Protein backbone atom coordinates (compact mmCIF):
# COMPACT_ATOMS: atom_id res chain seq x y z
CA MET A 1 24.06 -49.09 -13.20
CA ARG A 2 21.17 -47.36 -14.92
CA ILE A 3 22.16 -43.70 -15.12
CA VAL A 4 20.00 -40.74 -16.15
CA ILE A 5 22.14 -37.81 -17.30
CA LYS A 6 20.59 -34.38 -17.66
CA VAL A 7 22.59 -31.86 -19.69
CA GLY A 8 21.42 -28.28 -19.28
CA SER A 9 21.28 -25.44 -21.76
CA ASN A 10 24.07 -23.65 -19.93
CA VAL A 11 26.37 -26.61 -20.58
CA LEU A 12 25.52 -26.94 -24.26
CA THR A 13 25.54 -23.25 -25.24
CA ARG A 14 28.25 -20.69 -25.79
CA GLU A 15 28.12 -17.14 -24.46
CA ASN A 16 26.37 -16.01 -27.64
CA GLY A 17 23.55 -18.49 -27.00
CA LYS A 18 24.46 -20.84 -29.85
CA LEU A 19 25.09 -24.56 -29.51
CA ASP A 20 28.55 -25.64 -28.32
CA VAL A 21 29.17 -28.65 -30.57
CA THR A 22 32.63 -29.27 -29.07
CA ARG A 23 31.16 -29.66 -25.57
CA MET A 24 28.36 -31.80 -26.94
CA SER A 25 30.93 -34.09 -28.59
CA ALA A 26 32.87 -34.39 -25.31
CA ILE A 27 29.72 -35.46 -23.45
CA VAL A 28 28.94 -38.06 -26.12
CA ASP A 29 32.50 -39.43 -25.77
CA GLN A 30 31.95 -39.86 -22.01
CA ILE A 31 28.54 -41.51 -22.43
CA ALA A 32 30.05 -43.93 -24.94
CA TRP A 33 32.72 -44.74 -22.34
CA LEU A 34 30.02 -45.41 -19.73
CA ARG A 35 28.24 -47.71 -22.17
CA GLY A 36 31.51 -49.53 -22.75
CA LYS A 37 31.70 -50.18 -18.99
CA GLY A 38 28.29 -51.85 -19.09
CA HIS A 39 26.13 -49.02 -17.76
CA GLU A 40 22.70 -48.17 -19.19
CA VAL A 41 22.28 -44.49 -19.99
CA ILE A 42 19.25 -42.28 -20.58
CA LEU A 43 20.14 -38.78 -21.78
CA VAL A 44 17.85 -35.85 -21.00
CA SER A 45 19.18 -33.07 -23.20
CA SER A 46 18.31 -29.41 -23.47
CA GLY A 47 19.64 -27.36 -26.37
CA ALA A 48 16.88 -27.43 -29.01
CA VAL A 49 16.08 -23.73 -28.69
CA ALA A 50 19.78 -22.81 -28.68
CA SER A 51 20.33 -24.97 -31.75
CA GLY A 52 17.44 -23.32 -33.58
CA ARG A 53 18.53 -19.85 -32.55
CA GLY A 54 21.85 -20.43 -34.27
CA GLU A 55 20.20 -21.92 -37.35
CA MET A 56 18.29 -18.90 -38.63
CA LYS A 57 17.45 -15.25 -38.14
CA THR A 58 13.89 -14.00 -37.95
CA GLY A 59 14.58 -11.34 -40.58
CA GLY A 60 13.60 -8.46 -38.36
CA ARG A 61 10.09 -9.86 -37.87
CA ARG A 62 8.78 -9.37 -34.36
CA LEU A 63 7.99 -12.60 -32.56
CA ASP A 64 6.69 -12.92 -29.03
CA SER A 65 8.47 -15.24 -26.59
CA VAL A 66 6.10 -18.15 -27.26
CA SER A 67 6.42 -17.87 -31.04
CA GLN A 68 10.21 -17.65 -30.77
CA ARG A 69 10.31 -20.73 -28.58
CA GLN A 70 8.12 -22.69 -30.98
CA LEU A 71 10.10 -21.64 -34.04
CA PHE A 72 13.57 -22.20 -32.62
CA SER A 73 12.70 -25.49 -30.94
CA ALA A 74 11.05 -26.88 -34.08
CA LEU A 75 14.14 -26.08 -36.12
CA GLY A 76 16.63 -26.87 -33.38
CA GLN A 77 15.31 -30.23 -32.23
CA ALA A 78 15.86 -31.70 -35.71
CA LYS A 79 19.41 -30.36 -35.77
CA LEU A 80 20.11 -31.45 -32.19
CA ILE A 81 19.01 -35.07 -32.60
CA ASN A 82 20.87 -35.28 -35.93
CA LEU A 83 24.07 -34.13 -34.22
CA TYR A 84 23.62 -36.71 -31.48
CA TYR A 85 22.88 -39.38 -34.10
CA ASN A 86 26.10 -38.66 -35.98
CA LEU A 87 28.27 -38.36 -32.86
CA PHE A 88 27.02 -41.64 -31.34
CA ARG A 89 27.21 -43.43 -34.69
CA GLU A 90 31.00 -43.08 -34.55
CA TYR A 91 30.86 -45.50 -31.61
CA GLY A 92 28.29 -47.78 -33.23
CA ILE A 93 25.66 -46.72 -30.70
CA HIS A 94 22.01 -46.31 -31.68
CA VAL A 95 19.96 -43.44 -30.27
CA GLY A 96 16.24 -42.78 -30.24
CA GLN A 97 14.35 -39.53 -29.76
CA VAL A 98 11.70 -39.22 -27.05
CA LEU A 99 9.76 -35.94 -27.07
CA THR A 100 7.34 -35.60 -24.21
CA MET A 101 5.13 -33.14 -22.36
CA LYS A 102 4.12 -32.73 -18.76
CA GLU A 103 0.59 -33.76 -19.69
CA SER A 104 1.99 -37.14 -20.77
CA PHE A 105 2.69 -37.97 -17.12
CA ALA A 106 -0.74 -36.93 -15.88
CA THR A 107 -2.39 -40.35 -16.13
CA ARG A 108 -1.06 -43.70 -15.02
CA ARG A 109 -1.66 -45.20 -18.49
CA GLU A 110 0.44 -42.59 -20.31
CA TYR A 111 3.11 -42.85 -17.62
CA LEU A 112 3.39 -46.60 -18.13
CA ASN A 113 3.36 -46.24 -21.93
CA GLN A 114 6.38 -43.97 -21.79
CA ARG A 115 8.10 -46.32 -19.39
CA ALA A 116 7.48 -49.27 -21.71
CA CYS A 117 8.84 -47.31 -24.69
CA MET A 118 12.12 -46.45 -22.97
CA THR A 119 12.45 -49.92 -21.47
CA VAL A 120 12.32 -51.59 -24.88
CA MET A 121 14.88 -49.08 -26.17
CA LEU A 122 17.29 -49.90 -23.34
CA ASP A 123 16.70 -53.63 -23.74
CA ASN A 124 17.81 -53.32 -27.37
CA GLY A 125 20.90 -51.21 -26.70
CA VAL A 126 19.36 -47.90 -27.80
CA ILE A 127 20.07 -44.72 -25.81
CA PRO A 128 16.85 -42.70 -25.27
CA ILE A 129 17.47 -38.98 -25.80
CA VAL A 130 14.64 -37.16 -24.05
CA ASN A 131 13.52 -33.55 -24.30
CA GLU A 132 10.35 -31.61 -23.68
CA ASN A 133 8.34 -31.00 -26.84
CA ASP A 134 8.75 -27.22 -26.76
CA THR A 135 6.82 -26.72 -30.00
CA VAL A 136 3.56 -27.49 -28.18
CA SER A 137 4.46 -27.18 -24.47
CA VAL A 138 3.76 -23.46 -24.24
CA THR A 139 1.02 -23.29 -21.61
CA GLU A 140 1.31 -23.05 -17.87
CA LEU A 141 1.50 -26.86 -17.85
CA MET A 142 5.20 -26.96 -18.70
CA PHE A 143 8.08 -28.54 -16.86
CA THR A 144 9.98 -26.05 -14.69
CA ASP A 145 12.84 -27.03 -16.98
CA ASN A 146 14.56 -30.28 -17.90
CA ASP A 147 15.66 -30.74 -14.27
CA GLU A 148 12.06 -31.59 -13.43
CA LEU A 149 11.78 -33.82 -16.50
CA SER A 150 14.99 -35.67 -15.64
CA GLY A 151 13.73 -36.29 -12.11
CA LEU A 152 10.53 -37.78 -13.48
CA ILE A 153 12.45 -39.96 -15.92
CA ALA A 154 14.88 -41.18 -13.23
CA SER A 155 11.98 -42.06 -10.96
CA MET A 156 9.89 -43.67 -13.69
CA MET A 157 12.78 -45.78 -14.99
CA ASP A 158 14.03 -46.91 -11.55
CA ALA A 159 17.44 -45.35 -12.15
CA ASP A 160 20.34 -45.95 -9.78
CA VAL A 161 21.78 -42.47 -10.31
CA LEU A 162 20.58 -39.12 -11.65
CA ILE A 163 23.41 -36.81 -12.73
CA ILE A 164 22.39 -33.18 -13.33
CA LEU A 165 25.08 -31.35 -15.29
CA SER A 166 25.00 -27.60 -14.85
CA ASN A 167 27.51 -24.80 -15.35
CA ILE A 168 28.62 -24.71 -11.70
CA ASP A 169 30.23 -27.34 -9.48
CA GLY A 170 27.24 -27.99 -7.20
CA ILE A 171 25.49 -26.28 -4.31
CA PHE A 172 27.72 -23.74 -2.55
CA ASP A 173 27.54 -22.63 1.08
CA GLY A 174 27.63 -19.02 -0.18
CA ALA A 175 27.65 -17.10 -3.45
CA PRO A 176 29.43 -19.27 -6.08
CA ASP A 177 31.58 -16.30 -7.18
CA ASN A 178 32.74 -15.62 -3.62
CA PRO A 179 36.26 -17.09 -3.07
CA SER A 180 35.37 -18.02 0.50
CA SER A 181 32.43 -20.18 -0.62
CA SER A 182 32.83 -23.91 -1.05
CA VAL A 183 30.78 -26.73 -2.54
CA ILE A 184 28.61 -28.76 -0.16
CA PRO A 185 29.73 -32.32 -0.97
CA ARG A 186 26.90 -34.34 0.63
CA VAL A 187 23.30 -33.57 1.47
CA GLU A 188 21.80 -36.05 3.91
CA PRO A 189 18.02 -36.72 3.88
CA GLY A 190 16.13 -33.96 5.66
CA ARG A 191 18.93 -31.36 5.60
CA ASP A 192 17.67 -27.81 5.08
CA LEU A 193 19.54 -25.97 2.30
CA SER A 194 17.32 -22.89 2.07
CA ASP A 195 20.06 -20.61 3.44
CA TYR A 196 22.45 -21.63 0.66
CA ILE A 197 20.34 -21.78 -2.48
CA GLN A 198 20.78 -18.94 -4.97
CA GLN A 199 17.41 -17.81 -6.32
CA GLU A 200 18.64 -16.41 -9.63
CA LYS A 201 18.17 -18.27 -12.89
CA SER A 202 21.31 -18.41 -14.95
CA GLY A 203 22.11 -18.06 -18.62
CA PHE A 204 19.76 -19.65 -21.11
CA GLY A 205 17.93 -22.19 -18.91
CA ARG A 206 14.41 -21.82 -17.48
CA GLY A 207 15.25 -23.20 -14.06
CA GLY A 208 17.84 -22.44 -11.42
CA MET A 209 19.50 -23.99 -8.39
CA THR A 210 16.25 -23.87 -6.39
CA ALA A 211 14.57 -26.09 -8.98
CA LYS A 212 17.58 -28.42 -9.08
CA CYS A 213 17.62 -28.74 -5.29
CA ASN A 214 13.88 -29.43 -5.03
CA ILE A 215 14.01 -32.09 -7.73
CA ALA A 216 17.18 -33.64 -6.28
CA ARG A 217 15.67 -33.90 -2.82
CA ARG A 218 12.46 -35.51 -4.07
CA VAL A 219 14.29 -38.04 -6.24
CA ALA A 220 16.74 -38.89 -3.44
CA ASP A 221 13.76 -39.47 -1.13
CA GLU A 222 12.69 -42.15 -3.60
CA GLY A 223 15.98 -44.00 -3.10
CA ILE A 224 17.91 -42.67 -6.10
CA ARG A 225 21.37 -41.13 -5.74
CA VAL A 226 21.42 -37.62 -7.21
CA VAL A 227 24.54 -35.69 -8.23
CA ILE A 228 24.78 -32.03 -9.29
CA ALA A 229 28.06 -31.28 -11.07
CA ASN A 230 29.73 -29.04 -13.63
CA GLY A 231 29.22 -30.33 -17.16
CA ARG A 232 31.95 -28.04 -18.47
CA ARG A 233 34.64 -29.92 -16.56
CA ASP A 234 36.62 -32.35 -18.69
CA ASN A 235 35.79 -36.03 -18.16
CA ILE A 236 33.26 -35.18 -15.45
CA LEU A 237 31.02 -38.23 -16.04
CA ALA A 238 33.85 -40.75 -15.88
CA ASP A 239 35.22 -39.09 -12.74
CA LEU A 240 31.83 -39.15 -11.01
CA VAL A 241 31.38 -42.86 -11.73
CA THR A 242 34.92 -44.15 -11.10
CA SER A 243 36.42 -41.73 -8.56
CA PRO A 244 33.78 -39.30 -7.23
CA GLY A 245 36.07 -38.10 -4.46
CA THR A 246 38.41 -36.48 -6.96
CA THR A 247 35.99 -33.98 -8.50
CA LEU A 248 33.79 -31.23 -7.07
CA HIS A 249 30.08 -32.00 -6.93
CA THR A 250 27.09 -32.13 -4.58
CA GLU A 251 25.56 -35.53 -3.87
CA PHE A 252 22.08 -35.99 -2.42
CA VAL A 253 22.23 -39.17 -0.36
CA PRO A 254 19.30 -41.49 -1.17
CA ARG A 255 16.83 -42.36 1.55
CA THR A 256 16.79 -46.05 2.41
CA GLY A 257 13.68 -48.17 1.95
CA GLU A 258 11.85 -49.25 -1.17
CA VAL A 259 9.33 -46.97 -2.88
CA SER A 260 6.76 -48.53 -5.20
CA ASN A 261 6.52 -47.33 -8.79
CA VAL A 262 2.97 -46.17 -8.14
CA LYS A 263 4.12 -43.96 -5.28
CA LYS A 264 6.90 -42.58 -7.50
CA TRP A 265 4.27 -41.55 -10.03
CA ILE A 266 2.15 -39.97 -7.31
CA ALA A 267 5.19 -38.13 -5.90
CA HIS A 268 5.68 -36.19 -9.13
CA SER A 269 1.98 -35.53 -9.75
CA ALA A 270 1.35 -32.50 -7.53
CA SER A 271 0.93 -30.16 -10.50
CA PHE A 272 -1.80 -32.43 -11.91
CA ALA A 273 -4.00 -32.16 -8.80
CA LYS A 274 -7.62 -31.47 -9.74
CA GLY A 275 -8.72 -30.60 -6.23
CA THR A 276 -7.86 -30.32 -2.55
CA VAL A 277 -8.93 -32.47 0.40
CA ARG A 278 -8.77 -30.73 3.77
CA ILE A 279 -8.39 -32.91 6.84
CA ASN A 280 -8.61 -32.44 10.59
CA ALA A 281 -5.70 -32.41 13.03
CA ARG A 282 -6.14 -36.04 14.06
CA ALA A 283 -6.03 -37.28 10.47
CA ALA A 284 -2.99 -35.11 9.70
CA GLU A 285 -1.20 -36.49 12.74
CA ALA A 286 -1.94 -40.07 11.67
CA LEU A 287 -0.65 -39.51 8.14
CA ARG A 288 2.50 -37.76 9.38
CA SER A 289 3.25 -40.50 11.92
CA GLY A 290 5.18 -42.58 9.42
CA ARG A 291 2.80 -45.52 9.79
CA ALA A 292 1.24 -47.22 6.77
CA VAL A 293 -2.19 -45.62 7.05
CA SER A 294 -4.78 -44.58 4.48
CA LEU A 295 -6.74 -41.33 4.55
CA LEU A 296 -10.19 -42.17 5.92
CA MET A 297 -13.30 -40.15 5.15
CA VAL A 298 -13.85 -39.59 8.88
CA GLY A 299 -10.84 -37.24 8.86
CA VAL A 300 -12.04 -35.15 5.91
CA THR A 301 -13.46 -31.71 6.75
CA ALA A 302 -13.85 -30.19 3.27
CA VAL A 303 -13.18 -30.79 -0.41
CA GLU A 304 -12.40 -28.18 -3.06
CA GLY A 305 -12.06 -28.12 -6.84
CA GLU A 306 -13.61 -30.44 -9.41
CA PHE A 307 -12.27 -33.99 -9.50
CA GLU A 308 -13.45 -37.45 -10.46
CA GLU A 309 -12.65 -40.88 -9.07
CA GLY A 310 -9.02 -41.68 -9.95
CA ASP A 311 -7.89 -38.05 -10.19
CA ILE A 312 -4.93 -36.68 -8.25
CA VAL A 313 -5.76 -34.50 -5.24
CA SER A 314 -3.69 -32.45 -2.83
CA ILE A 315 -4.15 -33.10 0.88
CA THR A 316 -3.82 -30.21 3.34
CA ASP A 317 -4.34 -29.85 7.06
CA HIS A 318 -6.87 -27.50 8.69
CA ASP A 319 -4.45 -24.56 8.37
CA GLY A 320 -3.83 -25.19 4.67
CA ARG A 321 -0.35 -26.67 5.07
CA PRO A 322 0.55 -29.44 2.58
CA VAL A 323 0.32 -32.98 3.96
CA GLY A 324 0.50 -35.17 0.87
CA ILE A 325 -0.70 -36.06 -2.61
CA GLY A 326 -2.91 -38.98 -3.54
CA ARG A 327 -5.32 -40.58 -5.96
CA SER A 328 -8.92 -40.12 -4.93
CA ASN A 329 -11.32 -43.04 -4.63
CA TYR A 330 -14.26 -40.63 -4.99
CA SER A 331 -15.52 -37.80 -7.15
CA LYS A 332 -15.73 -34.37 -5.56
CA ASP A 333 -19.51 -34.65 -5.07
CA GLU A 334 -19.25 -38.12 -3.48
CA ALA A 335 -16.43 -37.00 -1.20
CA ALA A 336 -18.37 -33.94 -0.08
CA ARG A 337 -21.41 -36.11 0.70
CA LEU A 338 -19.40 -38.72 2.66
CA ALA A 339 -17.01 -36.37 4.52
CA GLY A 340 -16.82 -37.30 8.21
CA ARG A 341 -18.29 -40.80 7.75
CA HIS A 342 -16.80 -43.87 9.49
CA ASP A 343 -18.32 -46.71 7.51
CA VAL A 344 -16.97 -46.11 3.97
CA ARG A 345 -13.76 -46.91 2.13
CA PRO A 346 -10.78 -44.51 2.38
CA ILE A 347 -10.69 -41.50 0.10
CA VAL A 348 -6.96 -42.16 -0.53
CA HIS A 349 -5.53 -45.63 0.00
CA TYR A 350 -2.02 -45.88 1.43
CA ASP A 351 -0.72 -47.48 -1.80
CA TYR A 352 -1.71 -44.31 -3.70
CA LEU A 353 -0.57 -41.78 -1.09
CA TYR A 354 2.68 -39.81 -1.11
CA MET A 355 3.59 -37.67 1.88
CA GLU A 356 5.04 -34.22 1.28
């Protein structure tokens, strides 16, 4: 199998916020075991900021949150990758660092360049260790956290499984600290979990269970099995692969049917949308029917924003409810001029359309 493993900050840090090297070593041991069984592994690892925080003090100087993040991540990423390098070297395994930003997924060319880079690493027995480049990713265009990044990587690399390691056992049907609550073992496609998701963000991570659930559902809809489990449990990765019924976790069951790589890229591109295309009720009904249909200009009622041909646009119905995401065949001015016409090419072809 090709497995993407995301290890969160709350797994890799101690209560004081510093890096837990013992836990990190245990995870490396398990990944080496997976490699020995013939599996390909891509590791998406948080921990740079925690590593940098433990490396130095700011000497009483006042730093805002952005400056702290830049400083600690710049220091910590070097320490983090060096630790991984030394731990994997004991098993004779090569690792390579991949630092990326959300902007690097915005265009199809950059998306494919990253895919090619990680493919050649895997083909040569190198484990890609991926993290967001926090030294420069300080604007609103940041990943929610590494859960979002791991979902993008799993989708881009056609993974069989995405394993998200957190500091709890999965999604509970109540408050995790309530003794009467229990872990939901399986989430079938389409199941609503909004009554169970805890909104709070925990510990040192930027995300929370809401982000994990949203990413897991989207990735599972693309045909990839997704598991949320407790990275602090001993031997958790081996147990999930060899005997998943013996350990607590939540599994999102993948939807059947093949999804093209282009559609996978589109599916994760909502935050890159340069504009909005509003459509009438008939067009919305056609797109939501499940049939392989493109969005025709005759169904367009209005366009908003500033976009060019090839840009990502959001598609909403007349009431503003999301319908899908797609790549526009027109600029905003062309689309506005041709809205409602029958005799022109679609504004979004089916091959470049992802339904919400």
